[in-house]
């Protein structure tokens, strides 16, 4: 019985250390601008259809910046017209 318990404890420690190692390597990868990120986006005019877009982290950041710039310009133009 003690040997079974010992084996179970050793297995749990080895699995937790492997999970920790995998987690620490993904933390380093999260800062990599060339990593690929896939997102599912809704299709306009459809309740069910979705598109999957895969871009690098740098491309997603650039797209977010471009959209934010367009929103800021539209809001600034709206205030000038009123």
PDB file of N, CA and C in Angstrom:
ATOM      1  N   UNK A   1       0.819  -1.184   0.000  1.00  0.00           N
ATOM      2  CA  UNK A   1       0.000   0.000   0.000  1.00  0.00           C
ATOM      3  C   UNK A   1       0.870   1.257   0.000  1.00  0.00           C
ATOM      4  N   UNK A   2       1.967   1.224   0.787  1.00  0.00           N
ATOM      5  CA  UNK A   2       2.854   2.382   0.842  1.00  0.00           C
ATOM      6  C   UNK A   2       3.533   2.607  -0.501  1.00  0.00           C
ATOM      7  N   UNK A   3       3.872   1.519  -1.190  1.00  0.00           N
ATOM      8  CA  UNK A   3       4.533   1.679  -2.486  1.00  0.00           C
ATOM      9  C   UNK A   3       3.574   2.289  -3.506  1.00  0.00           C
ATOM     10  N   UNK A   4       2.314   1.930  -3.441  1.00  0.00           N
ATOM     11  CA  UNK A   4       1.322   2.510  -4.351  1.00  0.00           C
ATOM     12  C   UNK A   4       1.160   3.997  -4.074  1.00  0.00           C
ATOM     13  N   UNK A   5       1.130   4.366  -2.808  1.00  0.00           N
ATOM     14  CA  UNK A   5       1.032   5.772  -2.435  1.00  0.00           C
ATOM     15  C   UNK A   5       2.276   6.539  -2.877  1.00  0.00           C
ATOM     16  N   UNK A   6       3.437   5.934  -2.735  1.00  0.00           N
ATOM     17  CA  UNK A   6       4.685   6.574  -3.163  1.00  0.00           C
ATOM     18  C   UNK A   6       4.687   6.800  -4.672  1.00  0.00           C
ATOM     19  N   UNK A   7       4.243   5.815  -5.411  1.00  0.00           N
ATOM     20  CA  UNK A   7       4.196   5.944  -6.866  1.00  0.00           C
ATOM     21  C   UNK A   7       3.221   7.057  -7.261  1.00  0.00           C
ATOM     22  N   UNK A   8       2.088   7.128  -6.587  1.00  0.00           N
ATOM     23  CA  UNK A   8       1.110   8.165  -6.892  1.00  0.00           C
ATOM     24  C   UNK A   8       1.672   9.549  -6.594  1.00  0.00           C
ATOM     25  N   UNK A   9       2.364   9.704  -5.475  1.00  0.00           N
ATOM     26  CA  UNK A   9       2.954  11.000  -5.141  1.00  0.00           C
ATOM     27  C   UNK A   9       4.031  11.408  -6.136  1.00  0.00           C
ATOM     28  N   UNK A  10       4.870  10.466  -6.511  1.00  0.00           N
ATOM     29  CA  UNK A  10       5.932  10.762  -7.480  1.00  0.00           C
ATOM     30  C   UNK A  10       5.324  11.157  -8.817  1.00  0.00           C
ATOM     31  N   UNK A  11       4.289  10.453  -9.232  1.00  0.00           N
ATOM     32  CA  UNK A  11       3.638  10.764 -10.504  1.00  0.00           C
ATOM     33  C   UNK A  11       3.006  12.150 -10.465  1.00  0.00           C
ATOM     34  N   UNK A  12       2.367  12.490  -9.353  1.00  0.00           N
ATOM     35  CA  UNK A  12       1.725  13.803  -9.272  1.00  0.00           C
ATOM     36  C   UNK A  12       2.762  14.928  -9.275  1.00  0.00           C
ATOM     37  N   UNK A  13       3.878  14.738  -8.588  1.00  0.00           N
ATOM     38  CA  UNK A  13       4.922  15.763  -8.595  1.00  0.00           C
ATOM     39  C   UNK A  13       5.547  15.910  -9.981  1.00  0.00           C
ATOM     40  N   UNK A  14       5.762  14.807 -10.662  1.00  0.00           N
ATOM     41  CA  UNK A  14       6.375  14.891 -11.990  1.00  0.00           C
ATOM     42  C   UNK A  14       5.428  15.549 -12.974  1.00  0.00           C
ATOM     43  N   UNK A  15       4.138  15.260 -12.879  1.00  0.00           N
ATOM     44  CA  UNK A  15       3.175  15.893 -13.776  1.00  0.00           C
ATOM     45  C   UNK A  15       3.041  17.378 -13.490  1.00  0.00           C
ATOM     46  N   UNK A  16       3.044  17.757 -12.225  1.00  0.00           N
ATOM     47  CA  UNK A  16       2.911  19.175 -11.900  1.00  0.00           C
ATOM     48  C   UNK A  16       4.152  19.950 -12.339  1.00  0.00           C
ATOM     49  N   UNK A  17       5.326  19.352 -12.229  1.00  0.00           N
ATOM     50  CA  UNK A  17       6.531  20.049 -12.677  1.00  0.00           C
ATOM     51  C   UNK A  17       6.558  20.160 -14.195  1.00  0.00           C
ATOM     52  N   UNK A  18       6.029  19.148 -14.890  1.00  0.00           N
ATOM     53  CA  UNK A  18       5.959  19.225 -16.352  1.00  0.00           C
ATOM     54  C   UNK A  18       4.978  20.306 -16.779  1.00  0.00           C
ATOM     55  N   UNK A  19       3.860  20.417 -16.070  1.00  0.00           N
ATOM     56  CA  UNK A  19       2.884  21.457 -16.382  1.00  0.00           C
ATOM     57  C   UNK A  19       3.474  22.837 -16.107  1.00  0.00           C
ATOM     58  N   UNK A  20       4.225  22.963 -15.029  1.00  0.00           N
ATOM     59  CA  UNK A  20       4.857  24.234 -14.706  1.00  0.00           C
ATOM     60  C   UNK A  20       5.870  24.618 -15.778  1.00  0.00           C
ATOM     61  N   UNK A  21       6.635  23.659 -16.262  1.00  0.00           N
ATOM     62  CA  UNK A  21       7.622  23.938 -17.305  1.00  0.00           C
ATOM     63  C   UNK A  21       6.929  24.367 -18.588  1.00  0.00           C
ATOM     64  N   UNK A  22       5.828  23.712 -18.928  1.00  0.00           N
ATOM     65  CA  UNK A  22       5.093  24.088 -20.130  1.00  0.00           C
ATOM     66  C   UNK A  22       4.493  25.481 -19.969  1.00  0.00           C
ATOM     67  N   UNK A  23       4.006  25.802 -18.783  1.00  0.00           N
ATOM     68  CA  UNK A  23       3.417  27.106 -18.531  1.00  0.00           C
ATOM     69  C   UNK A  23       4.458  28.203 -18.620  1.00  0.00           C
ATOM     70  N   UNK A  24       5.635  27.974 -18.090  1.00  0.00           N
ATOM     71  CA  UNK A  24       6.670  28.998 -18.134  1.00  0.00           C
ATOM     72  C   UNK A  24       7.160  29.231 -19.558  1.00  0.00           C
ATOM     73  N   UNK A  25       7.167  28.201 -20.395  1.00  0.00           N
ATOM     74  CA  UNK A  25       7.589  28.407 -21.773  1.00  0.00           C
ATOM     75  C   UNK A  25       6.523  29.164 -22.554  1.00  0.00           C
ATOM     76  N   UNK A  26       5.236  28.979 -22.231  1.00  0.00           N
ATOM     77  CA  UNK A  26       4.208  29.740 -22.930  1.00  0.00           C
ATOM     78  C   UNK A  26       4.215  31.195 -22.491  1.00  0.00           C
ATOM     79  N   UNK A  27       4.641  31.469 -21.270  1.00  0.00           N
ATOM     80  CA  UNK A  27       4.739  32.864 -20.840  1.00  0.00           C
ATOM     81  C   UNK A  27       5.783  33.593 -21.663  1.00  0.00           C
ATOM     82  N   UNK A  28       6.869  32.933 -21.978  1.00  0.00           N
ATOM     83  CA  UNK A  28       7.895  33.553 -22.813  1.00  0.00           C
ATOM     84  C   UNK A  28       7.365  33.751 -24.221  1.00  0.00           C
ATOM     85  N   UNK A  29       6.575  32.796 -24.719  1.00  0.00           N
ATOM     86  CA  UNK A  29       6.045  32.883 -26.068  1.00  0.00           C
ATOM     87  C   UNK A  29       4.992  33.975 -26.213  1.00  0.00           C
ATOM     88  N   UNK A  30       4.342  34.370 -25.132  1.00  0.00           N
ATOM     89  CA  UNK A  30       3.301  35.392 -25.214  1.00  0.00           C
ATOM     90  C   UNK A  30       3.874  36.744 -25.608  1.00  0.00           C
ATOM     91  N   UNK A  31       5.150  36.967 -25.385  1.00  0.00           N
ATOM     92  CA  UNK A  31       5.771  38.233 -25.750  1.00  0.00           C
ATOM     93  C   UNK A  31       6.336  38.213 -27.168  1.00  0.00           C
ATOM     94  N   UNK A  32       6.312  37.069 -27.816  1.00  0.00           N
ATOM     95  CA  UNK A  32       6.852  36.930 -29.161  1.00  0.00           C
ATOM     96  C   UNK A  32       5.894  37.566 -30.168  1.00  0.00           C
ATOM     97  N   UNK A  33       6.317  38.609 -30.906  1.00  0.00           N
ATOM     98  CA  UNK A  33       5.412  39.264 -31.856  1.00  0.00           C
ATOM     99  C   UNK A  33       5.117  38.414 -33.094  1.00  0.00           C
ATOM    100  N   UNK A  34       5.885  37.353 -33.313  1.00  0.00           N
ATOM    101  CA  UNK A  34       5.690  36.514 -34.491  1.00  0.00           C
ATOM    102  C   UNK A  34       4.842  35.277 -34.218  1.00  0.00           C
ATOM    103  N   UNK A  35       4.304  35.149 -33.004  1.00  0.00           N
ATOM    104  CA  UNK A  35       3.474  33.981 -32.720  1.00  0.00           C
ATOM    105  C   UNK A  35       2.138  34.147 -33.412  1.00  0.00           C
ATOM    106  N   UNK A  36       1.542  33.059 -33.810  1.00  0.00           N
ATOM    107  CA  UNK A  36       0.299  33.062 -34.555  1.00  0.00           C
ATOM    108  C   UNK A  36      -0.877  32.992 -33.592  1.00  0.00           C
ATOM    109  N   UNK A  37      -1.849  33.881 -33.784  1.00  0.00           N
ATOM    110  CA  UNK A  37      -3.054  33.923 -32.964  1.00  0.00           C
ATOM    111  C   UNK A  37      -4.249  33.798 -33.897  1.00  0.00           C
ATOM    112  N   UNK A  38      -5.123  32.835 -33.613  1.00  0.00           N
ATOM    113  CA  UNK A  38      -6.328  32.635 -34.418  1.00  0.00           C
ATOM    114  C   UNK A  38      -7.548  33.063 -33.607  1.00  0.00           C
ATOM    115  N   UNK A  39      -8.430  33.799 -34.261  1.00  0.00           N
ATOM    116  CA  UNK A  39      -9.653  34.262 -33.617  1.00  0.00           C
ATOM    117  C   UNK A  39     -10.838  33.972 -34.527  1.00  0.00           C
ATOM    118  N   UNK A  40     -11.968  33.717 -33.904  1.00  0.00           N
ATOM    119  CA  UNK A  40     -13.203  33.476 -34.624  1.00  0.00           C
ATOM    120  C   UNK A  40     -14.017  34.760 -34.617  1.00  0.00           C
ATOM    121  N   UNK A  41     -14.436  35.207 -35.807  1.00  0.00           N
ATOM    122  CA  UNK A  41     -15.187  36.454 -35.913  1.00  0.00           C
ATOM    123  C   UNK A  41     -16.546  36.176 -36.533  1.00  0.00           C
ATOM    124  N   UNK A  42     -17.559  36.884 -36.052  1.00  0.00           N
ATOM    125  CA  UNK A  42     -18.900  36.732 -36.597  1.00  0.00           C
ATOM    126  C   UNK A  42     -18.958  37.300 -38.009  1.00  0.00           C
ATOM    127  N   UNK A  43     -19.797  36.688 -38.852  1.00  0.00           N
ATOM    128  CA  UNK A  43     -20.026  37.178 -40.203  1.00  0.00           C
ATOM    129  C   UNK A  43     -21.239  38.087 -40.165  1.00  0.00           C
ATOM    130  N   UNK A  44     -21.101  39.293 -40.700  1.00  0.00           N
ATOM    131  CA  UNK A  44     -22.221  40.227 -40.721  1.00  0.00           C
ATOM    132  C   UNK A  44     -23.345  39.668 -41.577  1.00  0.00           C
ATOM    133  N   UNK A  45     -24.571  39.769 -41.085  1.00  0.00           N
ATOM    134  CA  UNK A  45     -25.728  39.278 -41.816  1.00  0.00           C
ATOM    135  C   UNK A  45     -26.056  37.831 -41.532  1.00  0.00           C
ATOM    136  N   UNK A  46     -25.306  37.195 -40.650  1.00  0.00           N
ATOM    137  CA  UNK A  46     -25.566  35.799 -40.322  1.00  0.00           C
ATOM    138  C   UNK A  46     -25.491  35.629 -38.814  1.00  0.00           C
ATOM    139  N   UNK A  47     -26.401  34.814 -38.289  1.00  0.00           N
ATOM    140  CA  UNK A  47     -26.379  34.556 -36.857  1.00  0.00           C
ATOM    141  C   UNK A  47     -25.468  33.382 -36.512  1.00  0.00           C
ATOM    142  N   UNK A  48     -25.182  32.533 -37.491  1.00  0.00           N
ATOM    143  CA  UNK A  48     -24.460  31.300 -37.208  1.00  0.00           C
ATOM    144  C   UNK A  48     -23.054  31.245 -37.794  1.00  0.00           C
ATOM    145  N   UNK A  49     -22.843  31.880 -38.933  1.00  0.00           N
ATOM    146  CA  UNK A  49     -21.562  31.762 -39.630  1.00  0.00           C
ATOM    147  C   UNK A  49     -20.462  32.523 -38.894  1.00  0.00           C
ATOM    148  N   UNK A  50     -19.275  31.952 -38.922  1.00  0.00           N
ATOM    149  CA  UNK A  50     -18.102  32.581 -38.318  1.00  0.00           C
ATOM    150  C   UNK A  50     -16.917  32.394 -39.247  1.00  0.00           C
ATOM    151  N   UNK A  51     -16.035  33.361 -39.236  1.00  0.00           N
ATOM    152  CA  UNK A  51     -14.774  33.270 -39.978  1.00  0.00           C
ATOM    153  C   UNK A  51     -13.642  33.120 -38.988  1.00  0.00           C
ATOM    154  N   UNK A  52     -12.669  32.311 -39.344  1.00  0.00           N
ATOM    155  CA  UNK A  52     -11.481  32.149 -38.506  1.00  0.00           C
ATOM    156  C   UNK A  52     -10.350  32.930 -39.166  1.00  0.00           C
ATOM    157  N   UNK A  53      -9.772  33.878 -38.413  1.00  0.00           N
ATOM    158  CA  UNK A  53      -8.658  34.682 -38.911  1.00  0.00           C
ATOM    159  C   UNK A  53      -7.430  34.393 -38.080  1.00  0.00           C
ATOM    160  N   UNK A  54      -6.346  34.103 -38.749  1.00  0.00           N
ATOM    161  CA  UNK A  54      -5.076  33.835 -38.081  1.00  0.00           C
ATOM    162  C   UNK A  54      -4.063  34.887 -38.520  1.00  0.00           C
ATOM    163  N   UNK A  55      -3.571  35.654 -37.555  1.00  0.00           N
ATOM    164  CA  UNK A  55      -2.560  36.676 -37.792  1.00  0.00           C
ATOM    165  C   UNK A  55      -1.503  36.567 -36.703  1.00  0.00           C
ATOM    166  N   UNK A  56      -0.371  37.189 -36.954  1.00  0.00           N
ATOM    167  CA  UNK A  56       0.650  37.234 -35.913  1.00  0.00           C
ATOM    168  C   UNK A  56       0.246  38.265 -34.869  1.00  0.00           C
ATOM    169  N   UNK A  57       0.874  38.210 -33.725  1.00  0.00           N
ATOM    170  CA  UNK A  57       0.568  39.158 -32.650  1.00  0.00           C
ATOM    171  C   UNK A  57       0.836  40.589 -33.103  1.00  0.00           C
ATOM    172  N   UNK A  58       1.891  40.799 -33.861  1.00  0.00           N
ATOM    173  CA  UNK A  58       2.215  42.141 -34.352  1.00  0.00           C
ATOM    174  C   UNK A  58       1.136  42.639 -35.315  1.00  0.00           C
ATOM    175  N   UNK A  59       0.615  41.747 -36.153  1.00  0.00           N
ATOM    176  CA  UNK A  59      -0.439  42.140 -37.088  1.00  0.00           C
ATOM    177  C   UNK A  59      -1.732  42.483 -36.351  1.00  0.00           C
ATOM    178  N   UNK A  60      -2.079  41.719 -35.311  1.00  0.00           N
ATOM    179  CA  UNK A  60      -3.271  42.029 -34.514  1.00  0.00           C
ATOM    180  C   UNK A  60      -3.113  43.389 -33.847  1.00  0.00           C
ATOM    181  N   UNK A  61      -1.916  43.677 -33.316  1.00  0.00           N
ATOM    182  CA  UNK A  61      -1.670  44.973 -32.674  1.00  0.00           C
ATOM    183  C   UNK A  61      -1.800  46.117 -33.673  1.00  0.00           C
ATOM    184  N   UNK A  62      -1.249  45.925 -34.861  1.00  0.00           N
ATOM    185  CA  UNK A  62      -1.326  46.957 -35.893  1.00  0.00           C
ATOM    186  C   UNK A  62      -2.776  47.178 -36.325  1.00  0.00           C
ATOM    187  N   UNK A  63      -3.534  46.118 -36.467  1.00  0.00           N
ATOM    188  CA  UNK A  63      -4.946  46.243 -36.838  1.00  0.00           C
ATOM    189  C   UNK A  63      -5.734  46.977 -35.741  1.00  0.00           C
ATOM    190  N   UNK A  64      -5.440  46.660 -34.496  1.00  0.00           N
ATOM    191  CA  UNK A  64      -6.103  47.336 -33.382  1.00  0.00           C
ATOM    192  C   UNK A  64      -5.775  48.832 -33.383  1.00  0.00           C
ATOM    193  N   UNK A  65      -4.507  49.176 -33.648  1.00  0.00           N
ATOM    194  CA  UNK A  65      -4.108  50.585 -33.702  1.00  0.00           C
ATOM    195  C   UNK A  65      -4.811  51.312 -34.849  1.00  0.00           C
ATOM    196  N   UNK A  66      -4.895  50.659 -36.021  1.00  0.00           N
ATOM    197  CA  UNK A  66      -5.532  51.274 -37.186  1.00  0.00           C
ATOM    198  C   UNK A  66      -7.024  51.506 -36.929  1.00  0.00           C
ATOM    199  N   UNK A  67      -7.689  50.545 -36.317  1.00  0.00           N
ATOM    200  CA  UNK A  67      -9.109  50.713 -35.998  1.00  0.00           C
ATOM    201  C   UNK A  67      -9.318  51.832 -34.987  1.00  0.00           C
ATOM    202  N   UNK A  68      -8.440  51.905 -33.998  1.00  0.00           N
ATOM    203  CA  UNK A  68      -8.550  52.958 -32.989  1.00  0.00           C
ATOM    204  C   UNK A  68      -8.354  54.331 -33.622  1.00  0.00           C
ATOM    205  N   UNK A  69      -7.423  54.446 -34.575  1.00  0.00           N
ATOM    206  CA  UNK A  69      -7.184  55.703 -35.276  1.00  0.00           C
ATOM    207  C   UNK A  69      -8.416  56.116 -36.067  1.00  0.00           C
ATOM    208  N   UNK A  70      -9.053  55.162 -36.759  1.00  0.00           N
ATOM    209  CA  UNK A  70     -10.263  55.464 -37.516  1.00  0.00           C
ATOM    210  C   UNK A  70     -11.388  55.942 -36.596  1.00  0.00           C
ATOM    211  N   UNK A  71     -11.534  55.310 -35.461  1.00  0.00           N
ATOM    212  CA  UNK A  71     -12.569  55.710 -34.507  1.00  0.00           C
ATOM    213  C   UNK A  71     -12.289  57.112 -33.984  1.00  0.00           C
ATOM    214  N   UNK A  72     -11.036  57.382 -33.638  1.00  0.00           N
ATOM    215  CA  UNK A  72     -10.682  58.712 -33.138  1.00  0.00           C
ATOM    216  C   UNK A  72     -10.934  59.789 -34.184  1.00  0.00           C
ATOM    217  N   UNK A  73     -10.595  59.515 -35.437  1.00  0.00           N
ATOM    218  CA  UNK A  73     -10.821  60.490 -36.513  1.00  0.00           C
ATOM    219  C   UNK A  73     -12.315  60.726 -36.734  1.00  0.00           C
ATOM    220  N   UNK A  74     -13.093  59.652 -36.726  1.00  0.00           N
ATOM    221  CA  UNK A  74     -14.541  59.787 -36.927  1.00  0.00           C
ATOM    222  C   UNK A  74     -15.163  60.594 -35.802  1.00  0.00           C
ATOM    223  N   UNK A  75     -14.740  60.378 -34.588  1.00  0.00           N
ATOM    224  CA  UNK A  75     -15.282  61.129 -33.458  1.00  0.00           C
ATOM    225  C   UNK A  75     -14.852  62.591 -33.518  1.00  0.00           C
ATOM    226  N   UNK A  76     -13.610  62.844 -33.922  1.00  0.00           N
ATOM    227  CA  UNK A  76     -13.137  64.223 -34.015  1.00  0.00           C
ATOM    228  C   UNK A  76     -13.878  64.964 -35.117  1.00  0.00           C
ATOM    229  N   UNK A  77     -14.133  64.318 -36.247  1.00  0.00           N
ATOM    230  CA  UNK A  77     -14.871  64.944 -37.353  1.00  0.00           C
ATOM    231  C   UNK A  77     -16.314  65.191 -36.958  1.00  0.00           C
ATOM    232  N   UNK A  78     -16.889  64.325 -36.159  1.00  0.00           N
ATOM    233  CA  UNK A  78     -18.258  64.487 -35.720  1.00  0.00           C
ATOM    234  C   UNK A  78     -18.395  65.740 -34.867  1.00  0.00           C
ATOM    235  N   UNK A  79     -17.440  66.018 -34.018  1.00  0.00           N
ATOM    236  CA  UNK A  79     -17.493  67.207 -33.166  1.00  0.00           C
ATOM    237  C   UNK A  79     -17.300  68.480 -33.959  1.00  0.00           C
ATOM    238  N   UNK A  80     -16.510  68.421 -35.027  1.00  0.00           N
ATOM    239  CA  UNK A  80     -16.273  69.604 -35.857  1.00  0.00           C
ATOM    240  C   UNK A  80     -17.523  69.975 -36.655  1.00  0.00           C
ATOM    241  N   UNK A  81     -18.304  68.978 -37.059  1.00  0.00           N
ATOM    242  CA  UNK A  81     -19.497  69.224 -37.868  1.00  0.00           C
ATOM    243  C   UNK A  81     -20.651  69.755 -37.042  1.00  0.00           C
ATOM    244  N   UNK A  82     -20.660  69.546 -35.760  1.00  0.00           N
ATOM    245  CA  UNK A  82     -21.788  69.996 -34.926  1.00  0.00           C
ATOM    246  C   UNK A  82     -21.608  71.379 -34.486  1.00  0.00           C
TER     247      UNK A  82
END
